[in-house]
Amino acid sequence: MGRIDESKDFIPVRIAVLTVSDTRDMAGDRSGETLVSRIEAAGHVLADRMIVRDERDQIADQLREWIARDDVDVIISTGGTGLTGRDVTVEAHRDVYEKEIEAFATVFTIVSMQKIGTSAVQSRATGGVAGGTYLFALPGSPGACKDAWDEILQYQLDYRHYPCNFVEIMPRLDEHLRRK
């Protein structure tokens, strides 16, 4: 397990939160609120927050819109990662990924197994990179959002975490776009 190097300065990351749901509104979005409260408590910046319906094109379009913005470093979505016919968030994420972070799903499953046992097999959490932006798709429950943040993302989105973290390689995520 890594540690925090207190001799380094904390670098706030700009994070957009997307809730995918046919039924939730901002007042009833407990999963989105779970993420927002943790993002802000950690010292990061909430760059934007939205709710979109479980429609693959709408999800992918919103992801692309945020990827194109200079003030969004990370996108975390919640909802639509299950197995039912309306669960299309993972497919929408993969529509925009340049690279998938396969180990994110594996680590999330390990964390989930400790909390919910074999029910973790029903989650299709995923992570990836596109346009120099990190993207993570989490299940739609507040507990899953809490677990993903508390056990994985809070560390990987902290520049002081070592031996390595996502923040330290952010400047190089889109280096292929700068090559000639």
N, C-alpha and C. Protein backbone atom coordinates (compact mmCIF):
# COMPACT_ATOMS: atom_id res chain seq x y z
N MET A 1 0.85 -1.18 0.00
CA MET A 1 0.00 0.00 0.00
C MET A 1 0.89 1.24 0.00
N GLY A 2 0.52 2.22 -0.79
CA GLY A 2 1.27 3.46 -0.88
C GLY A 2 1.07 4.35 0.34
N ARG A 3 1.80 5.43 0.33
CA ARG A 3 1.71 6.40 1.42
C ARG A 3 1.65 7.80 0.84
N ILE A 4 1.40 8.77 1.69
CA ILE A 4 1.38 10.17 1.31
C ILE A 4 2.70 10.81 1.70
N ASP A 5 3.34 11.46 0.76
CA ASP A 5 4.59 12.19 0.99
C ASP A 5 4.22 13.61 1.39
N GLU A 6 4.23 13.87 2.69
CA GLU A 6 3.82 15.18 3.22
C GLU A 6 4.77 16.31 2.82
N SER A 7 5.96 15.98 2.30
CA SER A 7 6.88 17.04 1.88
C SER A 7 6.47 17.65 0.54
N LYS A 8 5.57 17.00 -0.19
CA LYS A 8 5.08 17.53 -1.46
C LYS A 8 3.83 18.36 -1.24
N ASP A 9 3.61 19.33 -2.11
CA ASP A 9 2.39 20.14 -2.07
C ASP A 9 1.24 19.38 -2.71
N PHE A 10 0.06 19.53 -2.14
CA PHE A 10 -1.15 18.96 -2.72
C PHE A 10 -1.49 19.75 -3.99
N ILE A 11 -1.90 19.04 -5.04
CA ILE A 11 -2.31 19.68 -6.29
C ILE A 11 -3.79 19.38 -6.51
N PRO A 12 -4.65 20.39 -6.42
CA PRO A 12 -6.08 20.14 -6.66
C PRO A 12 -6.33 19.74 -8.10
N VAL A 13 -7.23 18.79 -8.28
CA VAL A 13 -7.62 18.29 -9.59
C VAL A 13 -9.04 18.77 -9.85
N ARG A 14 -9.33 19.11 -11.10
CA ARG A 14 -10.66 19.59 -11.48
C ARG A 14 -11.50 18.42 -11.98
N ILE A 15 -12.57 18.12 -11.25
CA ILE A 15 -13.34 16.89 -11.47
C ILE A 15 -14.79 17.21 -11.81
N ALA A 16 -15.31 16.61 -12.87
CA ALA A 16 -16.71 16.70 -13.24
C ALA A 16 -17.41 15.41 -12.83
N VAL A 17 -18.63 15.53 -12.32
CA VAL A 17 -19.41 14.38 -11.87
C VAL A 17 -20.66 14.25 -12.74
N LEU A 18 -20.82 13.07 -13.31
CA LEU A 18 -21.96 12.78 -14.17
C LEU A 18 -22.78 11.65 -13.57
N THR A 19 -24.03 11.93 -13.27
CA THR A 19 -24.94 10.88 -12.80
C THR A 19 -25.76 10.42 -13.99
N VAL A 20 -25.82 9.11 -14.19
CA VAL A 20 -26.58 8.53 -15.28
C VAL A 20 -27.82 7.87 -14.67
N SER A 21 -28.99 8.42 -15.02
CA SER A 21 -30.23 7.90 -14.42
C SER A 21 -31.43 8.39 -15.21
N ASP A 22 -32.43 7.53 -15.32
CA ASP A 22 -33.70 7.91 -15.93
C ASP A 22 -34.65 8.50 -14.89
N THR A 23 -34.32 8.37 -13.61
CA THR A 23 -35.28 8.75 -12.57
C THR A 23 -34.78 9.80 -11.58
N ARG A 24 -33.48 9.97 -11.45
CA ARG A 24 -32.96 10.88 -10.42
C ARG A 24 -32.93 12.33 -10.90
N ASP A 25 -33.09 13.23 -9.91
CA ASP A 25 -32.84 14.64 -10.14
C ASP A 25 -31.78 15.06 -9.13
N MET A 26 -31.32 16.29 -9.16
CA MET A 26 -30.24 16.72 -8.26
C MET A 26 -30.60 16.52 -6.79
N ALA A 27 -31.86 16.78 -6.45
CA ALA A 27 -32.27 16.65 -5.04
C ALA A 27 -32.20 15.20 -4.56
N GLY A 28 -32.40 14.24 -5.46
CA GLY A 28 -32.39 12.84 -5.06
C GLY A 28 -31.14 12.08 -5.48
N ASP A 29 -30.12 12.81 -5.90
CA ASP A 29 -28.90 12.17 -6.40
C ASP A 29 -27.90 11.93 -5.27
N ARG A 30 -28.15 10.90 -4.49
CA ARG A 30 -27.27 10.61 -3.34
C ARG A 30 -25.89 10.15 -3.77
N SER A 31 -25.80 9.42 -4.87
CA SER A 31 -24.49 8.96 -5.34
C SER A 31 -23.64 10.13 -5.82
N GLY A 32 -24.22 11.00 -6.62
CA GLY A 32 -23.50 12.19 -7.08
C GLY A 32 -23.07 13.05 -5.90
N GLU A 33 -23.96 13.19 -4.93
CA GLU A 33 -23.63 14.00 -3.75
C GLU A 33 -22.52 13.36 -2.93
N THR A 34 -22.52 12.04 -2.85
CA THR A 34 -21.44 11.34 -2.15
C THR A 34 -20.10 11.68 -2.78
N LEU A 35 -20.04 11.66 -4.12
CA LEU A 35 -18.80 11.99 -4.81
C LEU A 35 -18.43 13.45 -4.62
N VAL A 36 -19.39 14.35 -4.79
CA VAL A 36 -19.12 15.79 -4.65
C VAL A 36 -18.57 16.10 -3.27
N SER A 37 -19.18 15.56 -2.23
CA SER A 37 -18.72 15.86 -0.87
C SER A 37 -17.30 15.35 -0.64
N ARG A 38 -16.98 14.19 -1.19
CA ARG A 38 -15.62 13.65 -1.02
C ARG A 38 -14.60 14.43 -1.86
N ILE A 39 -14.98 14.80 -3.06
CA ILE A 39 -14.10 15.59 -3.92
C ILE A 39 -13.73 16.90 -3.23
N GLU A 40 -14.73 17.59 -2.74
CA GLU A 40 -14.49 18.88 -2.10
C GLU A 40 -13.75 18.74 -0.77
N ALA A 41 -14.09 17.73 0.01
CA ALA A 41 -13.41 17.51 1.29
C ALA A 41 -11.93 17.21 1.09
N ALA A 42 -11.58 16.57 -0.03
CA ALA A 42 -10.19 16.24 -0.32
C ALA A 42 -9.40 17.46 -0.81
N GLY A 43 -10.11 18.55 -1.14
CA GLY A 43 -9.44 19.75 -1.61
C GLY A 43 -9.41 19.91 -3.11
N HIS A 44 -10.13 19.03 -3.83
CA HIS A 44 -10.21 19.14 -5.28
C HIS A 44 -11.30 20.13 -5.66
N VAL A 45 -11.41 20.42 -6.95
CA VAL A 45 -12.37 21.39 -7.47
C VAL A 45 -13.47 20.65 -8.23
N LEU A 46 -14.72 20.94 -7.90
CA LEU A 46 -15.83 20.40 -8.67
C LEU A 46 -15.98 21.28 -9.91
N ALA A 47 -15.58 20.75 -11.06
CA ALA A 47 -15.59 21.52 -12.31
C ALA A 47 -16.99 21.63 -12.90
N ASP A 48 -17.81 20.60 -12.72
CA ASP A 48 -19.16 20.60 -13.25
C ASP A 48 -19.89 19.39 -12.70
N ARG A 49 -21.21 19.43 -12.80
CA ARG A 49 -22.02 18.30 -12.37
C ARG A 49 -23.29 18.27 -13.19
N MET A 50 -23.65 17.08 -13.68
CA MET A 50 -24.85 16.94 -14.50
C MET A 50 -25.50 15.58 -14.25
N ILE A 51 -26.75 15.50 -14.69
CA ILE A 51 -27.47 14.23 -14.73
C ILE A 51 -27.93 14.04 -16.18
N VAL A 52 -27.68 12.86 -16.73
CA VAL A 52 -28.19 12.52 -18.06
C VAL A 52 -28.92 11.18 -17.98
N ARG A 53 -29.80 10.99 -18.94
CA ARG A 53 -30.57 9.74 -19.01
C ARG A 53 -29.66 8.58 -19.45
N ASP A 54 -30.13 7.37 -19.22
CA ASP A 54 -29.42 6.16 -19.63
C ASP A 54 -29.51 5.99 -21.14
N GLU A 55 -28.89 6.88 -21.86
CA GLU A 55 -28.85 6.83 -23.32
C GLU A 55 -27.39 6.92 -23.74
N ARG A 56 -26.93 5.90 -24.43
CA ARG A 56 -25.51 5.79 -24.78
C ARG A 56 -24.96 7.05 -25.46
N ASP A 57 -25.69 7.57 -26.44
CA ASP A 57 -25.23 8.75 -27.16
C ASP A 57 -25.17 9.99 -26.27
N GLN A 58 -26.17 10.15 -25.41
CA GLN A 58 -26.18 11.31 -24.50
C GLN A 58 -25.00 11.25 -23.52
N ILE A 59 -24.73 10.07 -23.01
CA ILE A 59 -23.62 9.90 -22.07
C ILE A 59 -22.30 10.20 -22.79
N ALA A 60 -22.09 9.58 -23.93
CA ALA A 60 -20.84 9.79 -24.69
C ALA A 60 -20.68 11.24 -25.10
N ASP A 61 -21.76 11.89 -25.51
CA ASP A 61 -21.68 13.31 -25.89
C ASP A 61 -21.26 14.18 -24.71
N GLN A 62 -21.82 13.90 -23.53
CA GLN A 62 -21.44 14.69 -22.35
C GLN A 62 -19.99 14.44 -21.97
N LEU A 63 -19.55 13.19 -22.05
CA LEU A 63 -18.15 12.88 -21.78
C LEU A 63 -17.24 13.64 -22.75
N ARG A 64 -17.57 13.62 -24.03
CA ARG A 64 -16.76 14.32 -25.04
C ARG A 64 -16.73 15.83 -24.78
N GLU A 65 -17.87 16.38 -24.39
CA GLU A 65 -17.93 17.82 -24.10
C GLU A 65 -16.96 18.18 -22.97
N TRP A 66 -16.98 17.38 -21.91
CA TRP A 66 -16.07 17.66 -20.79
C TRP A 66 -14.62 17.38 -21.15
N ILE A 67 -14.37 16.35 -21.93
CA ILE A 67 -13.00 16.04 -22.36
C ILE A 67 -12.41 17.23 -23.12
N ALA A 68 -13.23 17.90 -23.90
CA ALA A 68 -12.78 19.04 -24.72
C ALA A 68 -12.49 20.29 -23.89
N ARG A 69 -12.97 20.32 -22.66
CA ARG A 69 -12.78 21.51 -21.82
C ARG A 69 -11.42 21.49 -21.13
N ASP A 70 -10.79 22.65 -21.07
CA ASP A 70 -9.50 22.78 -20.41
C ASP A 70 -9.62 22.76 -18.89
N ASP A 71 -10.82 22.99 -18.37
CA ASP A 71 -11.00 23.06 -16.91
C ASP A 71 -11.52 21.77 -16.30
N VAL A 72 -11.42 20.65 -17.04
CA VAL A 72 -11.81 19.34 -16.53
C VAL A 72 -10.63 18.38 -16.71
N ASP A 73 -10.13 17.86 -15.58
CA ASP A 73 -9.03 16.90 -15.60
C ASP A 73 -9.51 15.46 -15.48
N VAL A 74 -10.63 15.28 -14.77
CA VAL A 74 -11.15 13.96 -14.44
C VAL A 74 -12.67 14.00 -14.55
N ILE A 75 -13.24 12.92 -15.06
CA ILE A 75 -14.70 12.76 -15.10
C ILE A 75 -15.02 11.48 -14.35
N ILE A 76 -15.94 11.60 -13.39
CA ILE A 76 -16.41 10.42 -12.67
C ILE A 76 -17.91 10.32 -12.91
N SER A 77 -18.34 9.21 -13.49
CA SER A 77 -19.77 9.00 -13.67
C SER A 77 -20.23 7.95 -12.66
N THR A 78 -21.51 8.03 -12.33
CA THR A 78 -22.12 7.06 -11.42
C THR A 78 -23.45 6.63 -12.02
N GLY A 79 -23.66 5.32 -12.06
CA GLY A 79 -24.90 4.77 -12.59
C GLY A 79 -24.73 4.16 -13.96
N GLY A 80 -25.56 3.18 -14.26
CA GLY A 80 -25.59 2.57 -15.58
C GLY A 80 -24.48 1.57 -15.85
N THR A 81 -23.88 1.01 -14.80
CA THR A 81 -22.79 0.06 -15.00
C THR A 81 -23.22 -1.40 -14.77
N GLY A 82 -24.49 -1.60 -14.56
CA GLY A 82 -24.98 -2.95 -14.27
C GLY A 82 -25.19 -3.79 -15.52
N LEU A 83 -26.03 -4.78 -15.39
CA LEU A 83 -26.23 -5.77 -16.45
C LEU A 83 -27.55 -5.65 -17.19
N THR A 84 -28.42 -4.74 -16.77
CA THR A 84 -29.73 -4.66 -17.42
C THR A 84 -29.63 -3.96 -18.77
N GLY A 85 -30.70 -4.03 -19.52
CA GLY A 85 -30.73 -3.46 -20.87
C GLY A 85 -30.49 -1.96 -20.92
N ARG A 86 -30.88 -1.24 -19.88
CA ARG A 86 -30.70 0.22 -19.85
C ARG A 86 -29.31 0.62 -19.37
N ASP A 87 -28.52 -0.31 -18.90
CA ASP A 87 -27.18 0.01 -18.38
C ASP A 87 -26.18 0.10 -19.53
N VAL A 88 -25.92 1.33 -20.00
CA VAL A 88 -25.06 1.54 -21.16
C VAL A 88 -23.90 2.49 -20.89
N THR A 89 -23.67 2.81 -19.63
CA THR A 89 -22.60 3.76 -19.31
C THR A 89 -21.23 3.22 -19.69
N VAL A 90 -20.98 1.96 -19.43
CA VAL A 90 -19.67 1.38 -19.76
C VAL A 90 -19.43 1.45 -21.27
N GLU A 91 -20.45 1.13 -22.05
CA GLU A 91 -20.31 1.19 -23.51
C GLU A 91 -20.05 2.63 -23.96
N ALA A 92 -20.74 3.59 -23.35
CA ALA A 92 -20.53 5.00 -23.70
C ALA A 92 -19.12 5.45 -23.35
N HIS A 93 -18.63 5.03 -22.20
CA HIS A 93 -17.25 5.35 -21.83
C HIS A 93 -16.28 4.76 -22.85
N ARG A 94 -16.48 3.52 -23.19
CA ARG A 94 -15.56 2.86 -24.13
C ARG A 94 -15.65 3.48 -25.53
N ASP A 95 -16.78 4.11 -25.85
CA ASP A 95 -16.89 4.82 -27.13
C ASP A 95 -15.91 5.99 -27.21
N VAL A 96 -15.53 6.54 -26.05
CA VAL A 96 -14.65 7.72 -26.07
C VAL A 96 -13.22 7.44 -25.60
N TYR A 97 -12.98 6.31 -24.95
CA TYR A 97 -11.63 6.01 -24.46
C TYR A 97 -10.62 5.95 -25.60
N GLU A 98 -9.44 6.48 -25.32
CA GLU A 98 -8.27 6.21 -26.16
C GLU A 98 -7.52 5.00 -25.59
N LYS A 99 -7.50 4.94 -24.25
CA LYS A 99 -6.89 3.80 -23.56
C LYS A 99 -7.77 3.45 -22.36
N GLU A 100 -7.94 2.17 -22.14
CA GLU A 100 -8.69 1.72 -20.96
C GLU A 100 -7.70 1.41 -19.84
N ILE A 101 -8.09 1.74 -18.63
CA ILE A 101 -7.29 1.42 -17.45
C ILE A 101 -7.88 0.13 -16.87
N GLU A 102 -7.48 -1.01 -17.41
CA GLU A 102 -8.08 -2.29 -17.05
C GLU A 102 -7.98 -2.59 -15.55
N ALA A 103 -6.87 -2.22 -14.94
CA ALA A 103 -6.67 -2.54 -13.53
C ALA A 103 -7.64 -1.80 -12.62
N PHE A 104 -8.22 -0.68 -13.08
CA PHE A 104 -9.20 0.01 -12.25
C PHE A 104 -10.37 -0.92 -11.94
N ALA A 105 -10.89 -1.59 -12.96
CA ALA A 105 -12.01 -2.53 -12.76
C ALA A 105 -11.62 -3.64 -11.81
N THR A 106 -10.41 -4.15 -11.96
CA THR A 106 -9.93 -5.24 -11.10
C THR A 106 -9.83 -4.79 -9.65
N VAL A 107 -9.21 -3.64 -9.43
CA VAL A 107 -9.06 -3.15 -8.06
C VAL A 107 -10.42 -2.82 -7.46
N PHE A 108 -11.32 -2.22 -8.26
CA PHE A 108 -12.66 -1.93 -7.75
C PHE A 108 -13.37 -3.22 -7.35
N THR A 109 -13.22 -4.27 -8.13
CA THR A 109 -13.84 -5.56 -7.79
C THR A 109 -13.28 -6.11 -6.48
N ILE A 110 -11.98 -6.00 -6.28
CA ILE A 110 -11.36 -6.46 -5.03
C ILE A 110 -11.93 -5.69 -3.84
N VAL A 111 -12.02 -4.36 -3.98
CA VAL A 111 -12.59 -3.53 -2.91
C VAL A 111 -14.04 -3.94 -2.66
N SER A 112 -14.81 -4.11 -3.73
CA SER A 112 -16.22 -4.48 -3.59
C SER A 112 -16.41 -5.85 -2.95
N MET A 113 -15.55 -6.79 -3.30
CA MET A 113 -15.63 -8.13 -2.71
C MET A 113 -15.56 -8.07 -1.19
N GLN A 114 -14.73 -7.17 -0.68
CA GLN A 114 -14.58 -7.04 0.77
C GLN A 114 -15.85 -6.49 1.41
N LYS A 115 -16.67 -5.77 0.64
CA LYS A 115 -17.87 -5.14 1.18
C LYS A 115 -19.14 -5.96 0.91
N ILE A 116 -19.26 -6.47 -0.34
CA ILE A 116 -20.52 -7.11 -0.73
C ILE A 116 -20.35 -8.55 -1.23
N GLY A 117 -19.17 -9.10 -1.04
CA GLY A 117 -18.93 -10.49 -1.42
C GLY A 117 -19.06 -10.72 -2.91
N THR A 118 -19.61 -11.86 -3.26
CA THR A 118 -19.68 -12.23 -4.68
C THR A 118 -20.63 -11.36 -5.49
N SER A 119 -21.45 -10.56 -4.85
CA SER A 119 -22.31 -9.63 -5.60
C SER A 119 -21.47 -8.63 -6.41
N ALA A 120 -20.20 -8.50 -6.07
CA ALA A 120 -19.30 -7.61 -6.81
C ALA A 120 -19.19 -8.02 -8.27
N VAL A 121 -19.47 -9.25 -8.59
CA VAL A 121 -19.36 -9.74 -9.96
C VAL A 121 -20.36 -9.02 -10.89
N GLN A 122 -21.39 -8.40 -10.33
CA GLN A 122 -22.39 -7.73 -11.14
C GLN A 122 -21.99 -6.31 -11.55
N SER A 123 -20.90 -5.80 -11.03
CA SER A 123 -20.45 -4.45 -11.36
C SER A 123 -19.56 -4.47 -12.59
N ARG A 124 -19.71 -3.44 -13.41
CA ARG A 124 -18.85 -3.28 -14.57
C ARG A 124 -18.13 -1.93 -14.50
N ALA A 125 -17.64 -1.58 -13.33
CA ALA A 125 -16.90 -0.32 -13.20
C ALA A 125 -15.74 -0.33 -14.18
N THR A 126 -15.41 0.85 -14.69
CA THR A 126 -14.35 0.94 -15.67
C THR A 126 -13.64 2.28 -15.55
N GLY A 127 -12.45 2.34 -16.11
CA GLY A 127 -11.68 3.58 -16.15
C GLY A 127 -10.93 3.67 -17.46
N GLY A 128 -10.64 4.90 -17.87
CA GLY A 128 -9.90 5.09 -19.10
C GLY A 128 -9.38 6.51 -19.23
N VAL A 129 -8.76 6.76 -20.36
CA VAL A 129 -8.19 8.08 -20.66
C VAL A 129 -8.61 8.47 -22.06
N ALA A 130 -8.95 9.75 -22.23
CA ALA A 130 -9.25 10.31 -23.55
C ALA A 130 -8.94 11.80 -23.53
N GLY A 131 -8.23 12.27 -24.56
CA GLY A 131 -7.95 13.70 -24.67
C GLY A 131 -7.24 14.28 -23.47
N GLY A 132 -6.41 13.49 -22.81
CA GLY A 132 -5.70 13.97 -21.64
C GLY A 132 -6.55 14.04 -20.38
N THR A 133 -7.72 13.41 -20.40
CA THR A 133 -8.66 13.42 -19.28
C THR A 133 -8.87 11.99 -18.79
N TYR A 134 -8.87 11.84 -17.47
CA TYR A 134 -9.21 10.53 -16.88
C TYR A 134 -10.72 10.41 -16.79
N LEU A 135 -11.22 9.21 -17.04
CA LEU A 135 -12.65 8.92 -16.93
C LEU A 135 -12.85 7.66 -16.10
N PHE A 136 -13.80 7.71 -15.17
CA PHE A 136 -14.12 6.55 -14.35
C PHE A 136 -15.64 6.39 -14.30
N ALA A 137 -16.12 5.18 -14.51
CA ALA A 137 -17.54 4.86 -14.43
C ALA A 137 -17.76 3.97 -13.22
N LEU A 138 -18.56 4.46 -12.29
CA LEU A 138 -18.84 3.75 -11.04
C LEU A 138 -20.30 3.32 -11.00
N PRO A 139 -20.61 2.28 -10.23
CA PRO A 139 -22.00 1.91 -10.03
C PRO A 139 -22.79 3.06 -9.41
N GLY A 140 -24.11 2.94 -9.47
CA GLY A 140 -24.99 4.02 -9.04
C GLY A 140 -25.36 4.05 -7.58
N SER A 141 -24.74 3.26 -6.75
CA SER A 141 -25.08 3.30 -5.33
C SER A 141 -24.11 4.20 -4.57
N PRO A 142 -24.60 4.90 -3.55
CA PRO A 142 -23.70 5.72 -2.73
C PRO A 142 -22.56 4.89 -2.12
N GLY A 143 -22.85 3.66 -1.73
CA GLY A 143 -21.82 2.81 -1.15
C GLY A 143 -20.70 2.51 -2.13
N ALA A 144 -21.05 2.23 -3.38
CA ALA A 144 -20.03 1.96 -4.40
C ALA A 144 -19.20 3.21 -4.68
N CYS A 145 -19.85 4.37 -4.71
CA CYS A 145 -19.12 5.63 -4.93
C CYS A 145 -18.18 5.90 -3.77
N LYS A 146 -18.66 5.67 -2.56
CA LYS A 146 -17.83 5.85 -1.38
C LYS A 146 -16.62 4.92 -1.43
N ASP A 147 -16.86 3.64 -1.73
CA ASP A 147 -15.76 2.67 -1.78
C ASP A 147 -14.73 3.03 -2.85
N ALA A 148 -15.21 3.39 -4.04
CA ALA A 148 -14.28 3.73 -5.13
C ALA A 148 -13.44 4.95 -4.76
N TRP A 149 -14.09 5.96 -4.17
CA TRP A 149 -13.33 7.16 -3.79
C TRP A 149 -12.39 6.85 -2.63
N ASP A 150 -12.93 6.29 -1.56
CA ASP A 150 -12.15 6.11 -0.33
C ASP A 150 -11.00 5.11 -0.48
N GLU A 151 -11.18 4.12 -1.32
CA GLU A 151 -10.18 3.05 -1.43
C GLU A 151 -9.25 3.18 -2.64
N ILE A 152 -9.66 3.94 -3.66
CA ILE A 152 -8.85 4.02 -4.88
C ILE A 152 -8.59 5.46 -5.30
N LEU A 153 -9.65 6.18 -5.64
CA LEU A 153 -9.49 7.48 -6.29
C LEU A 153 -8.87 8.55 -5.41
N GLN A 154 -9.19 8.57 -4.14
CA GLN A 154 -8.60 9.61 -3.29
C GLN A 154 -7.08 9.51 -3.26
N TYR A 155 -6.55 8.31 -3.41
CA TYR A 155 -5.10 8.11 -3.43
C TYR A 155 -4.52 8.39 -4.82
N GLN A 156 -5.14 7.84 -5.83
CA GLN A 156 -4.59 8.01 -7.18
C GLN A 156 -4.75 9.44 -7.70
N LEU A 157 -5.65 10.21 -7.12
CA LEU A 157 -5.82 11.61 -7.53
C LEU A 157 -5.12 12.56 -6.56
N ASP A 158 -4.21 12.02 -5.76
CA ASP A 158 -3.42 12.84 -4.84
C ASP A 158 -1.96 12.78 -5.29
N TYR A 159 -1.45 13.90 -5.72
CA TYR A 159 -0.08 13.99 -6.24
C TYR A 159 0.97 13.51 -5.23
N ARG A 160 0.64 13.57 -3.96
CA ARG A 160 1.59 13.20 -2.91
C ARG A 160 1.65 11.69 -2.67
N HIS A 161 0.72 10.94 -3.26
CA HIS A 161 0.67 9.49 -3.05
C HIS A 161 1.82 8.82 -3.81
N TYR A 162 2.51 7.94 -3.11
CA TYR A 162 3.59 7.19 -3.78
C TYR A 162 3.50 5.73 -3.41
N PRO A 163 3.99 4.87 -4.29
CA PRO A 163 5.06 5.12 -5.25
C PRO A 163 4.62 5.81 -6.54
N CYS A 164 3.32 5.84 -6.89
CA CYS A 164 2.91 6.53 -8.10
C CYS A 164 1.43 6.90 -7.99
N ASN A 165 1.00 7.80 -8.88
CA ASN A 165 -0.38 8.26 -8.87
C ASN A 165 -0.74 8.79 -10.25
N PHE A 166 -2.04 8.99 -10.48
CA PHE A 166 -2.51 9.48 -11.77
C PHE A 166 -2.10 10.93 -12.03
N VAL A 167 -2.01 11.74 -10.99
CA VAL A 167 -1.75 13.17 -11.17
C VAL A 167 -0.37 13.43 -11.75
N GLU A 168 0.62 12.68 -11.29
CA GLU A 168 1.98 12.94 -11.75
C GLU A 168 2.17 12.68 -13.24
N ILE A 169 1.32 11.86 -13.84
CA ILE A 169 1.47 11.61 -15.28
C ILE A 169 0.46 12.39 -16.12
N MET A 170 -0.38 13.20 -15.50
CA MET A 170 -1.36 13.99 -16.25
C MET A 170 -0.73 14.80 -17.39
N PRO A 171 0.40 15.48 -17.18
CA PRO A 171 0.97 16.28 -18.28
C PRO A 171 1.36 15.45 -19.50
N ARG A 172 1.49 14.16 -19.33
CA ARG A 172 1.92 13.30 -20.44
C ARG A 172 0.79 12.51 -21.09
N LEU A 173 -0.44 12.66 -20.59
CA LEU A 173 -1.54 11.86 -21.12
C LEU A 173 -1.85 12.15 -22.58
N ASP A 174 -1.63 13.38 -23.00
CA ASP A 174 -1.94 13.72 -24.39
C ASP A 174 -0.69 14.03 -25.21
N GLU A 175 0.47 13.52 -24.77
CA GLU A 175 1.71 13.81 -25.47
C GLU A 175 1.69 13.30 -26.91
N HIS A 176 0.95 12.23 -27.17
CA HIS A 176 0.86 11.70 -28.54
C HIS A 176 0.20 12.69 -29.49
N LEU A 177 -0.63 13.59 -28.94
CA LEU A 177 -1.30 14.59 -29.77
C LEU A 177 -0.36 15.73 -30.15
N ARG A 178 0.74 15.87 -29.40
CA ARG A 178 1.71 16.94 -29.65
C ARG A 178 2.85 16.50 -30.55
N ARG A 179 2.96 15.22 -30.81
CA ARG A 179 4.06 14.70 -31.65
C ARG A 179 3.83 15.06 -33.11
N LYS A 180 4.92 15.20 -33.82
CA LYS A 180 4.82 15.49 -35.26
C LYS A 180 5.40 14.38 -36.07
